[in-house]
N, C-alpha and C. Protein backbone atom coordinates (compact mmCIF):
# COMPACT_ATOMS: atom_id res chain seq x y z
N MET A 1 86.51 39.26 -50.09
CA MET A 1 87.23 39.71 -49.66
C MET A 1 87.31 40.98 -48.77
N ASN A 2 87.77 40.98 -47.69
CA ASN A 2 87.84 42.64 -47.21
C ASN A 2 88.96 43.15 -47.93
N THR A 3 88.75 44.75 -47.99
CA THR A 3 89.75 45.48 -48.41
C THR A 3 89.83 46.77 -47.35
N MET A 4 90.90 47.46 -47.80
CA MET A 4 90.99 48.59 -46.95
C MET A 4 89.85 49.50 -46.78
N LYS A 5 89.13 49.58 -48.01
CA LYS A 5 88.27 50.43 -48.23
C LYS A 5 86.87 50.31 -47.03
N ASN A 6 86.63 49.11 -46.85
CA ASN A 6 85.48 48.53 -45.93
C ASN A 6 86.10 48.17 -44.63
N VAL A 7 87.27 48.11 -44.36
CA VAL A 7 87.97 47.94 -43.02
C VAL A 7 89.12 49.05 -42.20
N PRO A 8 88.20 50.14 -42.02
CA PRO A 8 89.16 51.47 -41.79
C PRO A 8 89.87 51.24 -40.75
N ASN A 9 91.07 52.11 -40.64
CA ASN A 9 91.62 52.12 -39.52
C ASN A 9 91.09 52.81 -38.45
N LEU A 10 91.25 52.45 -37.16
CA LEU A 10 90.47 53.01 -36.24
C LEU A 10 92.02 53.24 -35.11
N ILE A 11 92.12 54.57 -34.59
CA ILE A 11 92.98 55.23 -33.86
C ILE A 11 93.14 55.88 -32.54
N SER A 12 93.34 55.31 -31.34
CA SER A 12 93.11 55.93 -29.90
C SER A 12 94.56 56.12 -29.37
N ASP A 13 94.82 56.83 -28.75
CA ASP A 13 96.14 56.98 -27.49
C ASP A 13 96.68 55.74 -27.59
N LYS A 14 96.33 54.67 -27.55
CA LYS A 14 96.83 53.66 -26.73
C LYS A 14 97.14 52.54 -27.76
N VAL A 15 96.11 52.33 -28.98
CA VAL A 15 96.02 51.26 -30.00
C VAL A 15 95.66 51.81 -31.12
N MET A 16 96.00 51.21 -32.39
CA MET A 16 95.65 51.34 -33.79
C MET A 16 94.99 50.09 -34.12
N MET A 17 93.78 50.03 -34.89
CA MET A 17 93.22 49.08 -35.00
C MET A 17 93.32 48.88 -36.65
N ARG A 18 93.69 48.19 -37.31
CA ARG A 18 93.87 48.11 -38.82
C ARG A 18 93.59 47.05 -39.31
N GLU A 19 93.39 46.54 -40.86
CA GLU A 19 92.93 45.35 -41.00
C GLU A 19 94.22 44.26 -40.96
N ILE A 20 93.98 43.01 -41.07
CA ILE A 20 94.84 42.19 -40.62
C ILE A 20 95.57 42.00 -41.81
N ASN A 21 97.12 42.04 -41.62
CA ASN A 21 97.95 41.58 -42.49
C ASN A 21 98.79 40.22 -42.14
N VAL A 22 98.25 39.47 -43.12
CA VAL A 22 98.79 37.99 -42.34
C VAL A 22 100.21 37.68 -42.39
N PRO A 23 101.03 38.11 -43.03
CA PRO A 23 102.25 38.16 -43.25
C PRO A 23 103.43 38.20 -42.02
N MET A 24 102.86 39.60 -41.98
CA MET A 24 103.12 40.53 -40.51
C MET A 24 102.77 40.30 -39.20
N ASP A 25 101.76 39.78 -39.34
CA ASP A 25 101.06 39.32 -37.74
C ASP A 25 100.75 38.08 -37.41
N ALA A 26 101.06 37.19 -38.27
CA ALA A 26 100.80 35.75 -37.86
C ALA A 26 101.88 35.34 -37.05
N PRO A 27 103.25 35.63 -37.27
CA PRO A 27 104.82 35.03 -36.38
C PRO A 27 104.78 35.64 -35.30
N GLU A 28 103.98 36.72 -34.89
CA GLU A 28 103.63 37.68 -33.60
C GLU A 28 102.84 37.02 -33.10
N TRP A 29 101.54 37.04 -33.68
CA TRP A 29 100.50 36.67 -32.90
C TRP A 29 100.22 35.26 -32.18
N TYR A 30 101.03 34.38 -33.38
CA TYR A 30 101.48 33.14 -32.85
C TYR A 30 102.32 32.78 -31.51
N LYS A 31 102.96 33.60 -31.07
CA LYS A 31 103.75 33.70 -29.88
C LYS A 31 102.66 33.98 -28.58
N PHE A 32 101.62 34.51 -28.63
CA PHE A 32 100.93 34.82 -27.71
C PHE A 32 99.92 33.82 -27.83
N MET A 33 99.56 33.21 -28.90
CA MET A 33 98.22 32.22 -29.16
C MET A 33 98.95 30.97 -28.43
N LYS A 34 100.19 30.71 -28.33
CA LYS A 34 100.73 29.22 -27.86
C LYS A 34 100.34 29.42 -26.21
N ASP A 35 99.93 30.48 -25.61
CA ASP A 35 99.71 30.29 -24.22
C ASP A 35 98.07 29.56 -24.06
N PRO A 36 98.14 28.47 -23.45
CA PRO A 36 96.47 27.73 -23.23
C PRO A 36 95.51 28.78 -22.69
N GLU A 37 96.03 29.60 -21.55
CA GLU A 37 95.28 30.37 -21.40
C GLU A 37 94.43 31.44 -21.86
N MET A 38 95.23 31.81 -23.40
CA MET A 38 94.26 32.13 -24.17
C MET A 38 93.03 31.67 -24.96
N HIS A 39 92.98 30.25 -24.96
CA HIS A 39 92.16 29.22 -25.53
C HIS A 39 90.96 28.88 -24.81
N LEU A 40 91.05 29.40 -23.06
CA LEU A 40 90.34 28.69 -21.91
C LEU A 40 88.87 28.95 -22.38
N TRP A 41 88.24 30.11 -23.07
CA TRP A 41 86.51 30.28 -23.23
C TRP A 41 86.65 30.14 -24.72
N MET A 42 87.24 30.12 -25.55
CA MET A 42 87.17 29.86 -27.16
C MET A 42 86.73 28.46 -27.61
N GLY A 43 86.88 28.09 -26.81
CA GLY A 43 86.79 26.42 -27.63
C GLY A 43 87.39 26.07 -28.68
N ASN A 44 88.71 26.52 -28.90
CA ASN A 44 89.38 25.93 -29.81
C ASN A 44 90.86 25.64 -28.90
N LYS A 45 91.79 25.05 -29.99
CA LYS A 45 93.01 24.60 -29.39
C LYS A 45 94.19 25.49 -29.69
N VAL A 46 95.18 25.47 -28.87
CA VAL A 46 96.39 25.86 -29.31
C VAL A 46 97.30 25.55 -30.64
N PRO A 47 97.25 26.60 -31.14
CA PRO A 47 98.03 26.00 -32.55
C PRO A 47 99.16 25.91 -32.54
N GLU A 48 99.35 24.76 -33.14
CA GLU A 48 100.64 24.03 -33.01
C GLU A 48 102.23 24.55 -33.99
N ASN A 49 102.11 25.65 -34.72
CA ASN A 49 102.87 26.18 -35.36
C ASN A 49 102.17 27.46 -36.05
N VAL A 50 103.49 28.49 -36.66
CA VAL A 50 102.75 29.66 -37.27
C VAL A 50 101.60 29.57 -38.47
N LYS A 51 101.69 28.15 -39.10
CA LYS A 51 100.65 28.11 -40.28
C LYS A 51 99.36 28.16 -39.85
N GLU A 52 99.19 27.42 -38.45
CA GLU A 52 97.98 27.51 -38.24
C GLU A 52 97.29 28.89 -37.65
N THR A 53 98.08 29.31 -37.12
CA THR A 53 97.96 30.82 -36.73
C THR A 53 97.72 31.52 -37.94
N TRP A 54 98.59 31.44 -39.22
CA TRP A 54 98.26 31.99 -40.53
C TRP A 54 96.94 31.71 -41.13
N ASP A 55 96.50 30.44 -40.98
CA ASP A 55 95.26 30.51 -41.60
C ASP A 55 93.92 31.07 -40.96
N THR A 56 94.19 30.61 -39.69
CA THR A 56 92.94 31.18 -38.73
C THR A 56 93.21 32.78 -39.18
N LEU A 57 94.00 33.64 -39.00
CA LEU A 57 94.11 35.13 -39.63
C LEU A 57 93.72 35.13 -40.89
N GLU A 58 94.05 34.46 -41.90
CA GLU A 58 93.63 34.54 -43.67
C GLU A 58 92.09 34.68 -43.60
N LYS A 59 91.72 33.40 -42.54
CA LYS A 59 90.04 33.17 -42.42
C LYS A 59 89.33 34.29 -42.10
N TYR A 60 89.98 35.21 -40.65
CA TYR A 60 89.19 36.06 -40.53
C TYR A 60 89.37 36.91 -41.44
N LYS A 61 90.36 37.33 -42.22
CA LYS A 61 90.45 38.26 -43.20
C LYS A 61 89.15 38.21 -44.11
N ASN A 62 89.18 37.01 -44.62
CA ASN A 62 88.30 36.45 -46.27
C ASN A 62 86.95 36.04 -45.59
N ILE A 63 86.60 36.07 -44.56
CA ILE A 63 85.14 35.62 -44.11
C ILE A 63 84.20 37.25 -44.89
N PRO A 64 83.13 37.12 -45.87
CA PRO A 64 82.50 38.31 -46.27
C PRO A 64 81.87 38.74 -45.37
N GLN A 65 81.65 37.55 -44.49
CA GLN A 65 80.46 38.47 -43.43
C GLN A 65 80.68 39.38 -42.50
N ILE A 66 81.95 38.98 -42.09
CA ILE A 66 83.00 39.97 -40.90
C ILE A 66 83.66 41.14 -41.29
N MET A 67 83.67 42.03 -40.59
CA MET A 67 85.04 42.86 -40.80
C MET A 67 85.93 42.82 -39.40
N ALA A 68 87.06 42.44 -39.47
CA ALA A 68 88.40 41.54 -38.89
C ALA A 68 89.53 43.15 -38.57
N TRP A 69 89.63 43.06 -37.67
CA TRP A 69 90.86 44.12 -37.28
C TRP A 69 91.89 43.14 -36.58
N SER A 70 93.62 43.78 -36.90
CA SER A 70 94.35 43.52 -35.89
C SER A 70 94.19 44.71 -34.97
N ILE A 71 94.41 44.13 -33.78
CA ILE A 71 94.68 45.37 -32.46
C ILE A 71 96.32 45.65 -32.43
N THR A 72 96.73 46.62 -32.72
CA THR A 72 98.19 46.83 -32.42
C THR A 72 98.61 48.12 -31.25
N ASN A 73 99.78 47.86 -30.78
CA ASN A 73 100.25 48.61 -29.69
C ASN A 73 100.46 50.07 -30.55
N LYS A 74 100.03 50.93 -30.14
CA LYS A 74 100.23 51.99 -31.15
C LYS A 74 101.88 52.65 -31.09
N GLU A 75 102.09 52.21 -30.06
CA GLU A 75 103.84 52.88 -29.78
C GLU A 75 104.75 51.59 -30.72
N THR A 76 104.35 50.44 -30.83
CA THR A 76 105.32 49.58 -31.16
C THR A 76 104.89 49.02 -32.92
N GLY A 77 103.60 49.26 -33.00
CA GLY A 77 102.97 49.05 -34.58
C GLY A 77 102.80 47.27 -34.45
N LYS A 78 103.13 46.74 -33.47
CA LYS A 78 102.79 45.01 -33.36
C LYS A 78 101.41 44.41 -32.86
N ILE A 79 101.09 43.61 -33.66
CA ILE A 79 99.72 43.11 -33.02
C ILE A 79 99.80 42.55 -31.72
N ILE A 80 98.83 43.24 -31.10
CA ILE A 80 98.79 42.27 -29.57
C ILE A 80 97.15 41.98 -29.18
N GLY A 81 96.41 41.76 -30.28
CA GLY A 81 95.11 41.09 -30.40
C GLY A 81 94.22 41.02 -31.95
N THR A 82 92.95 40.46 -31.62
CA THR A 82 92.42 40.72 -32.92
C THR A 82 90.88 41.16 -32.39
N TYR A 83 89.74 41.59 -33.52
CA TYR A 83 88.63 42.17 -33.31
C TYR A 83 88.01 41.59 -34.30
N TRP A 84 86.78 41.23 -34.25
CA TRP A 84 86.07 41.21 -35.30
C TRP A 84 84.55 41.36 -35.17
N ILE A 85 83.58 41.89 -36.02
CA ILE A 85 81.98 41.76 -35.70
C ILE A 85 81.55 41.41 -37.10
N TRP A 86 80.36 40.97 -36.53
CA TRP A 86 79.61 40.74 -37.92
C TRP A 86 79.21 41.84 -38.72
N LYS A 87 78.91 41.93 -39.97
CA LYS A 87 78.87 42.81 -40.21
C LYS A 87 76.98 43.38 -40.18
N PRO A 88 76.50 44.57 -40.18
CA PRO A 88 75.12 44.80 -39.96
C PRO A 88 74.33 44.33 -40.62
N ILE A 89 73.10 43.72 -40.00
CA ILE A 89 71.82 42.97 -40.47
C ILE A 89 70.82 43.70 -40.13
N MET A 90 69.82 43.75 -41.09
CA MET A 90 68.48 44.62 -41.12
C MET A 90 67.67 43.09 -40.52
N GLN A 91 66.98 43.52 -39.27
CA GLN A 91 65.84 42.87 -38.89
C GLN A 91 64.49 42.97 -39.26
N GLN A 92 63.35 42.22 -39.53
CA GLN A 92 62.37 42.43 -40.08
C GLN A 92 61.41 43.71 -39.01
N ASP A 93 62.08 43.81 -37.95
CA ASP A 93 61.14 45.10 -37.45
C ASP A 93 62.27 46.56 -37.78
N GLY A 94 63.12 46.58 -38.50
CA GLY A 94 63.80 47.90 -39.05
C GLY A 94 65.04 47.77 -38.34
N THR A 95 65.57 47.35 -37.40
CA THR A 95 66.70 47.48 -36.13
C THR A 95 67.53 46.95 -37.27
N LEU A 96 68.88 47.69 -37.30
CA LEU A 96 69.93 47.06 -37.70
C LEU A 96 70.61 46.94 -36.34
N ILE A 97 71.60 45.44 -36.80
CA ILE A 97 71.97 44.72 -35.66
C ILE A 97 73.28 44.14 -36.06
N ILE A 98 74.39 44.10 -35.11
CA ILE A 98 75.39 43.61 -35.53
C ILE A 98 75.58 42.35 -34.43
N PRO A 99 75.30 40.89 -34.96
CA PRO A 99 74.82 39.74 -34.40
C PRO A 99 75.79 39.26 -33.35
N SER A 100 77.30 39.59 -33.88
CA SER A 100 78.06 39.13 -33.05
C SER A 100 79.53 39.73 -32.93
N GLU A 101 80.39 39.74 -31.85
CA GLU A 101 81.54 40.21 -31.84
C GLU A 101 82.45 39.28 -31.02
N VAL A 102 83.85 39.17 -31.70
CA VAL A 102 84.48 38.72 -31.07
C VAL A 102 85.93 39.33 -30.97
N GLU A 103 86.64 39.30 -29.45
CA GLU A 103 87.94 40.10 -29.59
C GLU A 103 88.85 39.07 -28.68
N ARG A 104 89.99 39.33 -29.10
CA ARG A 104 91.06 38.89 -28.05
C ARG A 104 92.38 39.79 -28.14
N ILE A 105 92.88 39.38 -26.67
CA ILE A 105 93.83 40.75 -26.39
C ILE A 105 94.92 39.69 -25.87
N ALA A 106 96.11 39.95 -26.21
CA ALA A 106 97.29 38.92 -25.97
C ALA A 106 97.66 39.20 -24.02
N LYS A 107 97.64 38.11 -23.45
CA LYS A 107 97.98 37.84 -21.94
C LYS A 107 98.47 39.20 -21.20
N HIS A 108 99.57 39.66 -22.05
CA HIS A 108 100.46 40.85 -21.33
C HIS A 108 99.76 42.12 -21.12
N CYS A 109 98.66 41.88 -22.32
CA CYS A 109 98.03 43.23 -22.13
C CYS A 109 96.40 43.37 -21.52
N TRP A 110 95.85 42.26 -20.87
CA TRP A 110 95.34 41.95 -19.95
C TRP A 110 95.18 42.98 -19.06
N ARG A 111 94.05 43.46 -18.66
CA ARG A 111 93.71 44.47 -17.80
C ARG A 111 94.47 45.74 -17.45
N LYS A 112 95.09 46.23 -18.50
CA LYS A 112 95.69 47.40 -18.89
C LYS A 112 95.29 48.12 -19.86
N GLY A 113 93.94 48.00 -19.98
CA GLY A 113 93.42 49.42 -21.07
C GLY A 113 93.22 49.36 -22.21
N TYR A 114 93.87 48.04 -23.05
CA TYR A 114 94.16 47.70 -24.66
C TYR A 114 92.55 47.61 -24.97
N MET A 115 91.72 46.49 -24.34
CA MET A 115 90.85 46.23 -24.91
C MET A 115 89.79 47.07 -24.83
N LYS A 116 89.87 48.06 -23.43
CA LYS A 116 88.83 48.85 -23.50
C LYS A 116 89.10 49.96 -24.46
N ALA A 117 90.07 50.28 -25.09
CA ALA A 117 90.26 51.41 -25.86
C ALA A 117 89.98 50.81 -27.66
N ALA A 118 89.96 49.82 -27.72
CA ALA A 118 89.85 49.24 -29.02
C ALA A 118 88.21 48.93 -28.74
N ARG A 119 87.55 48.33 -28.02
CA ARG A 119 86.27 48.44 -27.98
C ARG A 119 85.13 49.73 -28.17
N ARG A 120 86.08 50.87 -27.43
CA ARG A 120 85.41 52.11 -27.84
C ARG A 120 85.56 52.56 -29.01
N LEU A 121 86.76 52.25 -29.66
CA LEU A 121 86.89 52.72 -31.15
C LEU A 121 86.00 51.68 -31.89
N VAL A 122 85.22 50.44 -31.48
CA VAL A 122 84.78 49.74 -32.46
C VAL A 122 83.58 50.06 -32.07
N TYR A 123 82.91 50.36 -31.16
CA TYR A 123 81.40 50.70 -30.39
C TYR A 123 81.12 52.25 -31.46
N ASP A 124 82.09 53.06 -31.22
CA ASP A 124 82.20 54.43 -31.93
C ASP A 124 81.76 54.16 -33.33
N TYR A 125 82.46 53.45 -33.94
CA TYR A 125 82.26 53.29 -35.29
C TYR A 125 81.03 52.47 -35.69
N CYS A 126 80.65 51.72 -35.05
CA CYS A 126 79.28 50.81 -35.02
C CYS A 126 78.14 51.73 -35.10
N PHE A 127 78.24 52.55 -34.16
CA PHE A 127 77.10 53.21 -33.71
C PHE A 127 76.72 54.63 -34.49
N ASN A 128 78.24 55.07 -34.62
CA ASN A 128 78.42 56.55 -35.30
C ASN A 128 78.77 56.50 -37.03
N VAL A 129 79.43 55.45 -37.46
CA VAL A 129 79.42 55.46 -38.93
C VAL A 129 78.25 54.54 -39.66
N LEU A 130 78.35 53.40 -39.01
CA LEU A 130 77.09 52.06 -39.43
C LEU A 130 76.07 52.33 -38.73
N HIS A 131 75.95 53.22 -38.20
CA HIS A 131 74.39 53.36 -37.59
C HIS A 131 73.37 52.36 -36.83
N VAL A 132 74.17 51.34 -36.35
CA VAL A 132 73.36 50.28 -36.20
C VAL A 132 72.80 50.47 -34.68
N ASP A 133 71.57 50.02 -34.24
CA ASP A 133 70.88 50.14 -33.15
C ASP A 133 71.43 49.20 -32.17
N GLU A 134 71.96 48.21 -32.60
CA GLU A 134 72.44 47.35 -31.30
C GLU A 134 73.55 46.58 -31.84
N ILE A 135 74.29 45.99 -30.64
CA ILE A 135 75.45 45.35 -30.79
C ILE A 135 75.10 44.00 -29.74
N HIS A 136 75.33 42.80 -30.78
CA HIS A 136 75.16 41.77 -29.85
C HIS A 136 76.50 41.16 -29.87
N ALA A 137 76.84 40.21 -28.71
CA ALA A 137 77.61 39.59 -28.15
C ALA A 137 77.44 37.82 -27.61
N GLN A 138 78.18 37.16 -27.23
CA GLN A 138 77.77 35.74 -27.02
C GLN A 138 79.01 35.56 -25.83
N VAL A 139 79.07 35.22 -24.62
CA VAL A 139 80.11 34.76 -23.71
C VAL A 139 79.24 33.96 -22.71
N TRP A 140 80.28 32.77 -22.68
CA TRP A 140 80.02 31.46 -21.82
C TRP A 140 80.03 31.85 -20.19
N LYS A 141 78.83 31.83 -19.67
CA LYS A 141 78.67 32.14 -18.13
C LYS A 141 79.82 31.92 -16.99
N ASP A 142 80.75 30.99 -17.31
CA ASP A 142 82.07 31.12 -16.60
C ASP A 142 83.31 32.06 -16.88
N ASN A 143 82.87 32.29 -17.70
CA ASN A 143 84.11 33.43 -18.45
C ASN A 143 83.81 35.16 -17.73
N ILE A 144 83.98 35.27 -16.40
CA ILE A 144 83.43 36.25 -15.51
C ILE A 144 84.33 37.41 -16.29
N ASN A 145 85.71 37.06 -16.38
CA ASN A 145 86.01 38.70 -16.71
C ASN A 145 85.80 39.01 -18.54
N SER A 146 85.16 38.28 -19.21
CA SER A 146 84.77 39.07 -20.05
C SER A 146 83.20 39.49 -20.01
N ILE A 147 82.38 38.54 -19.15
CA ILE A 147 81.25 39.43 -19.06
C ILE A 147 81.10 40.72 -18.32
N LYS A 148 82.36 40.70 -17.31
CA LYS A 148 82.54 42.33 -16.44
C LYS A 148 82.96 43.32 -17.80
N SER A 149 83.71 42.67 -18.77
CA SER A 149 83.86 43.80 -19.71
C SER A 149 82.82 43.74 -20.39
N LEU A 150 81.87 43.00 -21.04
CA LEU A 150 80.37 43.55 -21.60
C LEU A 150 79.78 44.59 -20.94
N GLU A 151 79.71 44.08 -19.62
CA GLU A 151 78.67 45.05 -18.54
C GLU A 151 79.00 46.28 -18.57
N HIS A 152 80.94 46.46 -18.13
CA HIS A 152 81.27 47.40 -18.31
C HIS A 152 81.01 48.52 -19.33
N ALA A 153 80.83 47.91 -20.53
CA ALA A 153 80.50 48.56 -21.74
C ALA A 153 79.11 48.81 -21.88
N GLY A 154 78.35 48.60 -21.25
CA GLY A 154 76.82 48.89 -20.90
C GLY A 154 75.77 47.79 -21.60
N HIS A 155 76.46 46.59 -22.25
CA HIS A 155 75.72 45.21 -22.13
C HIS A 155 74.85 44.67 -21.42
N VAL A 156 73.87 44.12 -21.81
CA VAL A 156 73.01 43.38 -20.74
C VAL A 156 72.41 42.31 -21.46
N CYS A 157 72.42 41.44 -20.43
CA CYS A 157 72.25 39.75 -21.00
C CYS A 157 70.90 40.00 -20.90
N TYR A 158 70.13 39.47 -22.09
CA TYR A 158 68.61 38.92 -22.37
C TYR A 158 68.54 37.25 -22.51
N LYS A 159 69.28 36.98 -22.65
CA LYS A 159 69.23 35.27 -22.67
C LYS A 159 70.10 34.55 -22.13
N GLU A 160 70.03 33.26 -21.89
CA GLU A 160 70.89 32.21 -21.42
C GLU A 160 70.27 31.04 -22.08
N GLU A 161 71.52 30.32 -22.43
CA GLU A 161 71.06 28.75 -23.12
C GLU A 161 72.39 28.33 -23.09
N GLU A 162 72.01 26.51 -22.94
CA GLU A 162 72.66 25.60 -22.64
C GLU A 162 73.31 25.18 -24.20
N LYS A 163 74.47 24.80 -24.22
CA LYS A 163 75.69 24.64 -25.39
C LYS A 163 76.50 23.92 -24.92
N MET A 164 76.88 23.20 -26.05
CA MET A 164 78.08 21.68 -26.05
C MET A 164 79.24 22.39 -26.41
N ILE A 165 80.22 22.51 -25.36
CA ILE A 165 81.65 23.13 -26.03
C ILE A 165 82.06 22.06 -26.29
N GLU A 166 82.53 21.57 -27.26
CA GLU A 166 83.16 20.72 -28.19
C GLU A 166 84.61 19.89 -27.28
N ILE A 167 85.25 21.22 -27.09
CA ILE A 167 86.77 20.69 -27.17
C ILE A 167 86.74 20.23 -25.52
N TYR A 168 85.59 20.41 -24.70
CA TYR A 168 85.23 20.25 -23.79
C TYR A 168 84.45 18.77 -23.00
N HIS A 169 83.54 18.73 -24.37
CA HIS A 169 82.82 17.79 -24.37
C HIS A 169 81.83 17.71 -23.44
N SER A 170 81.13 19.10 -22.97
CA SER A 170 80.76 19.08 -22.07
C SER A 170 79.57 20.30 -22.30
N LEU A 171 78.25 20.62 -21.41
CA LEU A 171 77.26 21.31 -21.85
C LEU A 171 77.70 23.01 -20.64
N HIS A 172 77.76 24.00 -21.61
CA HIS A 172 77.70 25.10 -20.81
C HIS A 172 76.92 26.20 -20.63
N ILE A 173 76.71 27.13 -19.99
CA ILE A 173 75.68 28.35 -20.43
C ILE A 173 76.37 29.11 -21.33
N GLU A 174 75.83 29.48 -22.35
CA GLU A 174 76.04 30.76 -23.24
C GLU A 174 74.98 31.94 -22.93
N CYS A 175 75.74 32.60 -22.74
CA CYS A 175 74.98 34.19 -22.27
C CYS A 175 74.66 35.19 -23.67
N HIS A 176 73.72 35.44 -23.75
CA HIS A 176 73.85 36.55 -25.02
C HIS A 176 73.28 38.09 -24.60
N TYR A 177 73.98 39.06 -24.75
CA TYR A 177 74.18 40.34 -24.69
C TYR A 177 73.63 41.19 -25.89
N LYS A 178 72.93 42.44 -25.59
CA LYS A 178 72.99 43.16 -26.16
C LYS A 178 73.14 44.68 -25.79
N LEU A 179 73.68 45.26 -26.83
CA LEU A 179 74.00 47.18 -26.28
C LEU A 179 73.23 47.83 -27.64
N THR A 180 72.78 48.91 -26.64
CA THR A 180 71.98 49.85 -27.54
C THR A 180 73.06 51.12 -27.48
N LYS A 181 72.86 52.04 -27.98
CA LYS A 181 73.87 53.21 -28.36
C LYS A 181 73.66 53.99 -27.00
N GLU A 182 71.97 54.18 -26.79
CA GLU A 182 72.04 54.81 -25.45
C GLU A 182 72.84 54.34 -24.20
N SER A 183 72.51 52.83 -23.98
CA SER A 183 73.51 52.22 -22.85
C SER A 183 74.85 52.22 -23.11
N TRP A 184 75.39 52.45 -24.34
CA TRP A 184 76.94 52.44 -24.67
C TRP A 184 77.26 53.80 -23.71
N LEU A 185 76.68 54.72 -24.25
CA LEU A 185 76.84 56.16 -23.65
C LEU A 185 76.57 56.50 -22.82
N LYS A 186 76.01 55.44 -21.41
CA LYS A 186 75.43 55.66 -20.21
C LYS A 186 76.81 54.93 -19.53
N SER A 187 77.32 54.19 -20.20
CA SER A 187 78.49 53.18 -19.48
C SER A 187 79.51 53.67 -18.77
N LYS A 188 80.14 52.75 -17.90
CA LYS A 188 81.05 53.03 -17.28
C LYS A 188 82.36 53.29 -18.21
N LEU A 189 82.06 52.26 -19.19
CA LEU A 189 83.14 52.55 -20.62
C LEU A 189 83.53 53.89 -20.87
N MET A 190 82.12 54.34 -21.18
CA MET A 190 82.31 55.77 -21.99
C MET A 190 82.45 56.69 -20.67
N ASN A 191 82.37 56.46 -19.79
CA ASN A 191 82.23 57.64 -18.50
C ASN A 191 83.22 57.56 -17.54
N SER A 192 84.47 56.66 -18.00
CA SER A 192 85.76 56.46 -17.20
C SER A 192 86.62 57.06 -18.26
N LYS A 193 88.32 57.27 -17.45
CA LYS A 193 89.08 57.37 -18.19
C LYS A 193 90.05 56.40 -18.71
């Protein structure tokens, strides 16, 4: 089980990222997750009740291979998103990688800088505290906004593969991205306000 010891608070002027607090976060997060647009590219369904959201947050919090945060609005302290990273894995060649990251932000926060702030905090933590060499992410090719967000942060697509999205019963192209510290430091994300 994750503890505060290995899920640090990450704070910017816009967001605070903290360990998921299921009883506090589930009712608020459920309000946002009821919107079908929140699930368009995630391959899951709209939760039917708070209990489903509770169970999902509980799962994120307790998977030992990931570090999961609630993204909160710094002014209100309320959850506006979730972000998790796979814990670093050492490759045979000695490269330390984060093999996957997943993030969501409430629709009313889209294109308002909250995810950029969260991503900066997470990448700073990954590169400067965990000392990883690369961060990897996967995204569906039709998910243009997520692709733009990754590329804005310096990610480069290195592979595409066709995969089934079960909820849609159809094949889609999954793009695999990776980010190095050097690319991150040169990225538009790091060099913009």
